[in-house]
Amino acid sequence: MVFNIFDIFKNKKANGSTMRTELNVPFKEKDIVKKMGAKWDPEKKVWYVPSGVNLEDFKRWIVTIHNPGINFRADYFFIAETSGRCWKCSKNTRFISLGLYPGFLTEVLEEDENHPSEISSVWIEHDFYALLYYVREISEDVCCHMQSLSSFYKIDHSSTAKRSYWMNHCEYCGAKQGDFMEYCEPDGLFYGDHIGSHIILHNISEELVVNCDSYNPCSILEDN
């Protein structure tokens, strides 16, 4: 089935859920986006377009320009929680991750063969579990669930990944715990094709919509 991405945003707004769009704004251009209606988040140190403001004028600063909306959807989700050693201070700190059950949808953008300038959004259903990483944008409801488990899960900029995304931070020294080490390295806490018994799952019976760059397919062991 084909959906229009902005129709989905309208539906979410009608249901009382709000989303915001993070911007990648050079320091010398901050006054420009401020005059256009962007807001500064002093805690996360990022400019963003609040819900209800037209995104069209902010295309040049939107982190994911080709798709400023959501690209993952699910009727319900889980949060995976575990602990690991901080790379900087070596203390044991909490790590959390967004997870999806089989049946979640991802968006694929397709060009119309007869009208190359027109792009449609095709949503594909998947039959496996997944852990999300490089999460760009989440709803306020999802944010509340995540930060109720760890207030150190927040958006930040990664010079290595060259992007801003929601990531874990050390509870003791505040150091960024980048997604690459935990999802892409063999000894990472969320690496591999299964979720082991060292990870606690928190089931959330609410809809999830996010903008995310990647995920790890996985299975869940029976002891979870």
C-alpha atoms as a PDB file:
ATOM      1  CA  MET A   1       0.000   0.000   0.000  1.00  0.00           C
ATOM      2  CA  VAL A   2       1.235   3.523  -0.804  1.00  0.00           C
ATOM      3  CA  PHE A   3       0.996   6.326   1.759  1.00  0.00           C
ATOM      4  CA  ASN A   4       1.732  10.027   1.499  1.00  0.00           C
ATOM      5  CA  ILE A   5       4.230  10.858   4.259  1.00  0.00           C
ATOM      6  CA  PHE A   6       2.646  14.218   5.064  1.00  0.00           C
ATOM      7  CA  ASP A   7      -0.811  12.609   5.381  1.00  0.00           C
ATOM      8  CA  ILE A   8       0.673  10.443   8.133  1.00  0.00           C
ATOM      9  CA  PHE A   9       1.937  13.551   9.906  1.00  0.00           C
ATOM     10  CA  LYS A  10      -1.535  15.092   9.711  1.00  0.00           C
ATOM     11  CA  ASN A  11      -3.058  11.967  11.235  1.00  0.00           C
ATOM     12  CA  LYS A  12      -0.534  11.974  14.092  1.00  0.00           C
ATOM     13  CA  LYS A  13      -1.240  15.616  14.795  1.00  0.00           C
ATOM     14  CA  ALA A  14      -4.982  14.946  14.850  1.00  0.00           C
ATOM     15  CA  ASN A  15      -4.433  12.209  17.415  1.00  0.00           C
ATOM     16  CA  GLY A  16      -2.570  14.583  19.718  1.00  0.00           C
ATOM     17  CA  SER A  17       0.964  13.259  19.082  1.00  0.00           C
ATOM     18  CA  THR A  18       3.685  15.748  18.160  1.00  0.00           C
ATOM     19  CA  MET A  19       6.993  15.372  16.392  1.00  0.00           C
ATOM     20  CA  ARG A  20       9.781  17.819  15.714  1.00  0.00           C
ATOM     21  CA  THR A  21      12.455  17.913  13.047  1.00  0.00           C
ATOM     22  CA  GLU A  22      16.108  18.405  14.002  1.00  0.00           C
ATOM     23  CA  LEU A  23      18.229  20.781  11.904  1.00  0.00           C
ATOM     24  CA  ASN A  24      21.909  20.829  11.043  1.00  0.00           C
ATOM     25  CA  VAL A  25      22.594  24.579  11.276  1.00  0.00           C
ATOM     26  CA  PRO A  26      26.070  26.160  10.950  1.00  0.00           C
ATOM     27  CA  PHE A  27      26.700  28.738  13.671  1.00  0.00           C
ATOM     28  CA  LYS A  28      26.766  31.627  11.181  1.00  0.00           C
ATOM     29  CA  GLU A  29      23.230  30.743  10.001  1.00  0.00           C
ATOM     30  CA  LYS A  30      21.560  30.421  13.412  1.00  0.00           C
ATOM     31  CA  ASP A  31      19.922  33.856  13.233  1.00  0.00           C
ATOM     32  CA  ILE A  32      18.403  32.974   9.859  1.00  0.00           C
ATOM     33  CA  VAL A  33      16.588  29.858  11.081  1.00  0.00           C
ATOM     34  CA  LYS A  34      15.568  31.636  14.285  1.00  0.00           C
ATOM     35  CA  LYS A  35      13.764  34.335  12.294  1.00  0.00           C
ATOM     36  CA  MET A  36      12.083  31.597  10.222  1.00  0.00           C
ATOM     37  CA  GLY A  37      10.576  29.972  13.312  1.00  0.00           C
ATOM     38  CA  ALA A  38      13.144  27.379  14.389  1.00  0.00           C
ATOM     39  CA  LYS A  39      13.720  26.848  18.103  1.00  0.00           C
ATOM     40  CA  TRP A  40      16.930  26.194  20.044  1.00  0.00           C
ATOM     41  CA  ASP A  41      17.037  23.302  22.502  1.00  0.00           C
ATOM     42  CA  PRO A  42      19.672  24.347  25.087  1.00  0.00           C
ATOM     43  CA  GLU A  43      19.798  20.924  26.740  1.00  0.00           C
ATOM     44  CA  LYS A  44      20.364  18.946  23.544  1.00  0.00           C
ATOM     45  CA  LYS A  45      22.180  21.835  21.835  1.00  0.00           C
ATOM     46  CA  VAL A  46      20.322  21.530  18.566  1.00  0.00           C
ATOM     47  CA  TRP A  47      18.047  23.699  16.438  1.00  0.00           C
ATOM     48  CA  TYR A  48      14.691  22.182  15.508  1.00  0.00           C
ATOM     49  CA  VAL A  49      11.465  22.941  13.668  1.00  0.00           C
ATOM     50  CA  PRO A  50       8.535  22.632  16.092  1.00  0.00           C
ATOM     51  CA  SER A  51       5.375  20.767  15.162  1.00  0.00           C
ATOM     52  CA  GLY A  52       3.017  22.872  13.067  1.00  0.00           C
ATOM     53  CA  VAL A  53       5.713  24.910  11.280  1.00  0.00           C
ATOM     54  CA  ASN A  54       6.075  24.356   7.525  1.00  0.00           C
ATOM     55  CA  LEU A  55       9.188  22.254   6.817  1.00  0.00           C
ATOM     56  CA  GLU A  56       9.435  23.384   3.199  1.00  0.00           C
ATOM     57  CA  ASP A  57      11.454  26.491   4.093  1.00  0.00           C
ATOM     58  CA  PHE A  58      13.996  24.443   6.107  1.00  0.00           C
ATOM     59  CA  LYS A  59      14.993  21.899   3.446  1.00  0.00           C
ATOM     60  CA  ARG A  60      18.638  23.003   3.307  1.00  0.00           C
ATOM     61  CA  TRP A  61      19.128  22.360   7.044  1.00  0.00           C
ATOM     62  CA  ILE A  62      17.086  19.194   7.541  1.00  0.00           C
ATOM     63  CA  VAL A  63      19.395  16.330   8.456  1.00  0.00           C
ATOM     64  CA  THR A  64      17.662  13.814   6.183  1.00  0.00           C
ATOM     65  CA  ILE A  65      16.666  16.093   3.331  1.00  0.00           C
ATOM     66  CA  HIS A  66      15.041  13.492   1.076  1.00  0.00           C
ATOM     67  CA  ASN A  67      12.665  12.396   3.835  1.00  0.00           C
ATOM     68  CA  PRO A  68      11.964  14.825   6.663  1.00  0.00           C
ATOM     69  CA  GLY A  69       9.288  12.516   8.050  1.00  0.00           C
ATOM     70  CA  ILE A  70       9.059   9.096   9.596  1.00  0.00           C
ATOM     71  CA  ASN A  71      10.405   5.955   7.936  1.00  0.00           C
ATOM     72  CA  PHE A  72       9.659   3.311  10.611  1.00  0.00           C
ATOM     73  CA  ARG A  73       6.191   2.520  11.958  1.00  0.00           C
ATOM     74  CA  ALA A  74       4.878  -0.107  14.385  1.00  0.00           C
ATOM     75  CA  ASP A  75       1.698  -0.723  16.363  1.00  0.00           C
ATOM     76  CA  TYR A  76       3.776  -1.441  19.479  1.00  0.00           C
ATOM     77  CA  PHE A  77       7.445  -1.724  20.416  1.00  0.00           C
ATOM     78  CA  PHE A  78       9.882  -2.585  23.186  1.00  0.00           C
ATOM     79  CA  ILE A  79      12.845  -0.948  24.875  1.00  0.00           C
ATOM     80  CA  ALA A  80      15.918  -3.122  25.409  1.00  0.00           C
ATOM     81  CA  GLU A  81      17.915  -2.300  28.547  1.00  0.00           C
ATOM     82  CA  THR A  82      21.346  -3.522  29.613  1.00  0.00           C
ATOM     83  CA  SER A  83      24.565  -2.187  31.121  1.00  0.00           C
ATOM     84  CA  GLY A  84      28.120  -1.889  29.907  1.00  0.00           C
ATOM     85  CA  ARG A  85      31.439  -0.206  30.485  1.00  0.00           C
ATOM     86  CA  CYS A  86      31.883   3.440  29.523  1.00  0.00           C
ATOM     87  CA  TRP A  87      34.790   3.818  27.108  1.00  0.00           C
ATOM     88  CA  LYS A  88      35.937   7.002  28.877  1.00  0.00           C
ATOM     89  CA  CYS A  89      35.590   6.541  32.653  1.00  0.00           C
ATOM     90  CA  SER A  90      35.332   2.700  32.653  1.00  0.00           C
ATOM     91  CA  LYS A  91      32.333   2.738  35.014  1.00  0.00           C
ATOM     92  CA  ASN A  92      29.355   0.453  34.411  1.00  0.00           C
ATOM     93  CA  THR A  93      26.530   2.516  32.910  1.00  0.00           C
ATOM     94  CA  ARG A  94      23.064   1.901  31.506  1.00  0.00           C
ATOM     95  CA  PHE A  95      22.360   1.396  27.780  1.00  0.00           C
ATOM     96  CA  ILE A  96      18.929   1.326  26.153  1.00  0.00           C
ATOM     97  CA  SER A  97      17.722   0.719  22.608  1.00  0.00           C
ATOM     98  CA  LEU A  98      14.458   0.961  20.691  1.00  0.00           C
ATOM     99  CA  GLY A  99      13.233  -2.425  19.490  1.00  0.00           C
ATOM    100  CA  LEU A 100      10.521  -3.571  17.082  1.00  0.00           C
ATOM    101  CA  TYR A 101       8.455  -6.749  16.956  1.00  0.00           C
ATOM    102  CA  PRO A 102       7.724  -8.644  13.722  1.00  0.00           C
ATOM    103  CA  GLY A 103       5.167  -6.778  11.653  1.00  0.00           C
ATOM    104  CA  PHE A 104       6.837  -3.358  11.724  1.00  0.00           C
ATOM    105  CA  LEU A 105       6.906  -1.234   8.570  1.00  0.00           C
ATOM    106  CA  THR A 106       9.726   0.628   6.826  1.00  0.00           C
ATOM    107  CA  GLU A 107       9.349   3.246   4.139  1.00  0.00           C
ATOM    108  CA  VAL A 108      10.881   2.939   0.688  1.00  0.00           C
ATOM    109  CA  LEU A 109      10.814   5.947  -1.633  1.00  0.00           C
ATOM    110  CA  GLU A 110      10.005   5.147  -5.258  1.00  0.00           C
ATOM    111  CA  GLU A 111       9.944   7.285  -8.395  1.00  0.00           C
ATOM    112  CA  ASP A 112       6.961   7.139 -10.711  1.00  0.00           C
ATOM    113  CA  GLU A 113       8.249   5.736 -14.026  1.00  0.00           C
ATOM    114  CA  ASN A 114       5.833   7.937 -15.947  1.00  0.00           C
ATOM    115  CA  HIS A 115       6.494  10.991 -13.784  1.00  0.00           C
ATOM    116  CA  PRO A 116      10.146  10.933 -12.587  1.00  0.00           C
ATOM    117  CA  SER A 117       9.703  14.075 -10.513  1.00  0.00           C
ATOM    118  CA  GLU A 118       6.995  12.432  -8.380  1.00  0.00           C
ATOM    119  CA  ILE A 119       8.039  10.352  -5.368  1.00  0.00           C
ATOM    120  CA  SER A 120       5.722   7.938  -3.583  1.00  0.00           C
ATOM    121  CA  SER A 121       6.192   6.277  -0.208  1.00  0.00           C
ATOM    122  CA  VAL A 122       5.834   2.495  -0.200  1.00  0.00           C
ATOM    123  CA  TRP A 123       5.636   0.823   3.231  1.00  0.00           C
ATOM    124  CA  ILE A 124       7.090  -2.690   3.518  1.00  0.00           C
ATOM    125  CA  GLU A 125       6.233  -5.092   6.350  1.00  0.00           C
ATOM    126  CA  HIS A 126       8.987  -7.179   8.016  1.00  0.00           C
ATOM    127  CA  ASP A 127       8.636 -10.520   9.838  1.00  0.00           C
ATOM    128  CA  PHE A 128      11.561 -10.280  12.267  1.00  0.00           C
ATOM    129  CA  TYR A 129      12.600  -8.452  15.436  1.00  0.00           C
ATOM    130  CA  ALA A 130      14.883  -5.425  15.073  1.00  0.00           C
ATOM    131  CA  LEU A 131      16.952  -3.042  17.210  1.00  0.00           C
ATOM    132  CA  LEU A 132      17.091   0.506  15.840  1.00  0.00           C
ATOM    133  CA  TYR A 133      20.191   2.677  15.737  1.00  0.00           C
ATOM    134  CA  TYR A 134      21.134   6.080  14.356  1.00  0.00           C
ATOM    135  CA  VAL A 135      17.645   7.201  15.405  1.00  0.00           C
ATOM    136  CA  ARG A 136      17.169  10.734  14.099  1.00  0.00           C
ATOM    137  CA  GLU A 137      13.709  11.684  15.289  1.00  0.00           C
ATOM    138  CA  ILE A 138      11.208  10.293  17.795  1.00  0.00           C
ATOM    139  CA  SER A 139       7.804  11.389  19.054  1.00  0.00           C
ATOM    140  CA  GLU A 140       7.402  12.994  22.455  1.00  0.00           C
ATOM    141  CA  ASP A 141       5.613   9.893  23.741  1.00  0.00           C
ATOM    142  CA  VAL A 142       8.477   7.594  22.744  1.00  0.00           C
ATOM    143  CA  CYS A 143      10.971  10.064  24.199  1.00  0.00           C
ATOM    144  CA  CYS A 144       9.151   9.966  27.554  1.00  0.00           C
ATOM    145  CA  HIS A 145       9.303   6.173  27.652  1.00  0.00           C
ATOM    146  CA  MET A 146      13.005   6.127  26.788  1.00  0.00           C
ATOM    147  CA  GLN A 147      13.992   8.828  29.244  1.00  0.00           C
ATOM    148  CA  SER A 148      11.943   7.263  32.033  1.00  0.00           C
ATOM    149  CA  LEU A 149      14.492   4.428  31.868  1.00  0.00           C
ATOM    150  CA  SER A 150      17.523   6.609  31.221  1.00  0.00           C
ATOM    151  CA  SER A 151      17.632  10.404  31.255  1.00  0.00           C
ATOM    152  CA  PHE A 152      21.051  10.057  29.622  1.00  0.00           C
ATOM    153  CA  TYR A 153      19.474   8.864  26.371  1.00  0.00           C
ATOM    154  CA  LYS A 154      19.314  12.086  24.363  1.00  0.00           C
ATOM    155  CA  ILE A 155      20.089  13.572  20.974  1.00  0.00           C
ATOM    156  CA  ASP A 156      23.672  14.614  20.300  1.00  0.00           C
ATOM    157  CA  HIS A 157      26.014  15.127  17.372  1.00  0.00           C
ATOM    158  CA  SER A 158      28.579  12.517  16.347  1.00  0.00           C
ATOM    159  CA  SER A 159      31.635  13.798  14.483  1.00  0.00           C
ATOM    160  CA  THR A 160      32.498  10.205  13.542  1.00  0.00           C
ATOM    161  CA  ALA A 161      29.070   9.403  12.066  1.00  0.00           C
ATOM    162  CA  LYS A 162      28.689  12.983  10.800  1.00  0.00           C
ATOM    163  CA  ARG A 163      25.092  13.199  11.989  1.00  0.00           C
ATOM    164  CA  SER A 164      22.945  14.020  15.003  1.00  0.00           C
ATOM    165  CA  TYR A 165      20.931  11.206  16.542  1.00  0.00           C
ATOM    166  CA  TRP A 166      19.534   9.868  19.811  1.00  0.00           C
ATOM    167  CA  MET A 167      22.297   8.102  21.707  1.00  0.00           C
ATOM    168  CA  ASN A 168      23.234   6.806  25.140  1.00  0.00           C
ATOM    169  CA  HIS A 169      25.502   8.841  27.437  1.00  0.00           C
ATOM    170  CA  CYS A 170      27.462   7.694  30.466  1.00  0.00           C
ATOM    171  CA  GLU A 171      25.535   8.219  33.710  1.00  0.00           C
ATOM    172  CA  TYR A 172      28.754   9.195  35.493  1.00  0.00           C
ATOM    173  CA  CYS A 173      30.964  11.230  33.166  1.00  0.00           C
ATOM    174  CA  GLY A 174      28.403  12.172  30.478  1.00  0.00           C
ATOM    175  CA  ALA A 175      30.522  10.824  27.600  1.00  0.00           C
ATOM    176  CA  LYS A 176      28.708   9.973  24.358  1.00  0.00           C
ATOM    177  CA  GLN A 177      28.307   6.230  23.825  1.00  0.00           C
ATOM    178  CA  GLY A 178      28.096   6.147  20.032  1.00  0.00           C
ATOM    179  CA  ASP A 179      25.876   3.656  18.233  1.00  0.00           C
ATOM    180  CA  PHE A 180      28.623   2.268  16.006  1.00  0.00           C
ATOM    181  CA  MET A 181      30.465   0.626  18.884  1.00  0.00           C
ATOM    182  CA  GLU A 182      27.320  -0.950  20.364  1.00  0.00           C
ATOM    183  CA  TYR A 183      25.526  -2.052  17.181  1.00  0.00           C
ATOM    184  CA  CYS A 184      28.250  -2.607  14.567  1.00  0.00           C
ATOM    185  CA  GLU A 185      31.242  -3.985  16.491  1.00  0.00           C
ATOM    186  CA  PRO A 186      31.338  -7.756  17.347  1.00  0.00           C
ATOM    187  CA  ASP A 187      31.646  -7.060  21.093  1.00  0.00           C
ATOM    188  CA  GLY A 188      28.910  -4.403  21.083  1.00  0.00           C
ATOM    189  CA  LEU A 189      26.029  -4.706  23.553  1.00  0.00           C
ATOM    190  CA  PHE A 190      23.402  -4.695  20.784  1.00  0.00           C
ATOM    191  CA  TYR A 191      25.415  -6.482  18.101  1.00  0.00           C
ATOM    192  CA  GLY A 192      24.490  -9.899  16.735  1.00  0.00           C
ATOM    193  CA  ASP A 193      21.455 -11.804  15.579  1.00  0.00           C
ATOM    194  CA  HIS A 194      19.821 -12.411  18.949  1.00  0.00           C
ATOM    195  CA  ILE A 195      18.895 -10.660  22.185  1.00  0.00           C
ATOM    196  CA  GLY A 196      20.454 -12.543  25.081  1.00  0.00           C
ATOM    197  CA  SER A 197      19.393 -12.981  28.693  1.00  0.00           C
ATOM    198  CA  HIS A 198      21.633 -10.066  29.770  1.00  0.00           C
ATOM    199  CA  ILE A 199      19.145  -7.684  28.145  1.00  0.00           C
ATOM    200  CA  ILE A 200      15.864  -6.705  29.833  1.00  0.00           C
ATOM    201  CA  LEU A 201      12.892  -6.040  27.558  1.00  0.00           C
ATOM    202  CA  HIS A 202      10.254  -3.424  28.410  1.00  0.00           C
ATOM    203  CA  ASN A 203       7.112  -3.909  26.321  1.00  0.00           C
ATOM    204  CA  ILE A 204       5.296  -0.721  25.253  1.00  0.00           C
ATOM    205  CA  SER A 205       1.759  -1.211  23.938  1.00  0.00           C
ATOM    206  CA  GLU A 206       1.689   2.050  21.994  1.00  0.00           C
ATOM    207  CA  GLU A 207       2.266   3.048  18.385  1.00  0.00           C
ATOM    208  CA  LEU A 208       5.795   3.989  17.382  1.00  0.00           C
ATOM    209  CA  VAL A 209       6.836   6.319  14.562  1.00  0.00           C
ATOM    210  CA  VAL A 210      10.492   7.282  14.124  1.00  0.00           C
ATOM    211  CA  ASN A 211      13.026   8.500  11.608  1.00  0.00           C
ATOM    212  CA  CYS A 212      15.931   6.081  11.735  1.00  0.00           C
ATOM    213  CA  ASP A 213      18.936   5.312   9.526  1.00  0.00           C
ATOM    214  CA  SER A 214      19.543   1.651  10.327  1.00  0.00           C
ATOM    215  CA  TYR A 215      18.615  -1.450  12.339  1.00  0.00           C
ATOM    216  CA  ASN A 216      19.922  -4.859  13.386  1.00  0.00           C
ATOM    217  CA  PRO A 217      17.619  -7.810  12.636  1.00  0.00           C
ATOM    218  CA  CYS A 218      17.567 -10.173  15.605  1.00  0.00           C
ATOM    219  CA  SER A 219      15.701 -12.952  17.381  1.00  0.00           C
ATOM    220  CA  ILE A 220      14.680 -13.092  21.031  1.00  0.00           C
ATOM    221  CA  LEU A 221      15.759 -15.967  23.237  1.00  0.00           C
ATOM    222  CA  GLU A 222      13.081 -17.778  25.230  1.00  0.00           C
ATOM    223  CA  ASP A 223      14.500 -16.622  28.556  1.00  0.00           C
ATOM    224  CA  ASN A 224      13.499 -13.066  27.666  1.00  0.00           C
END
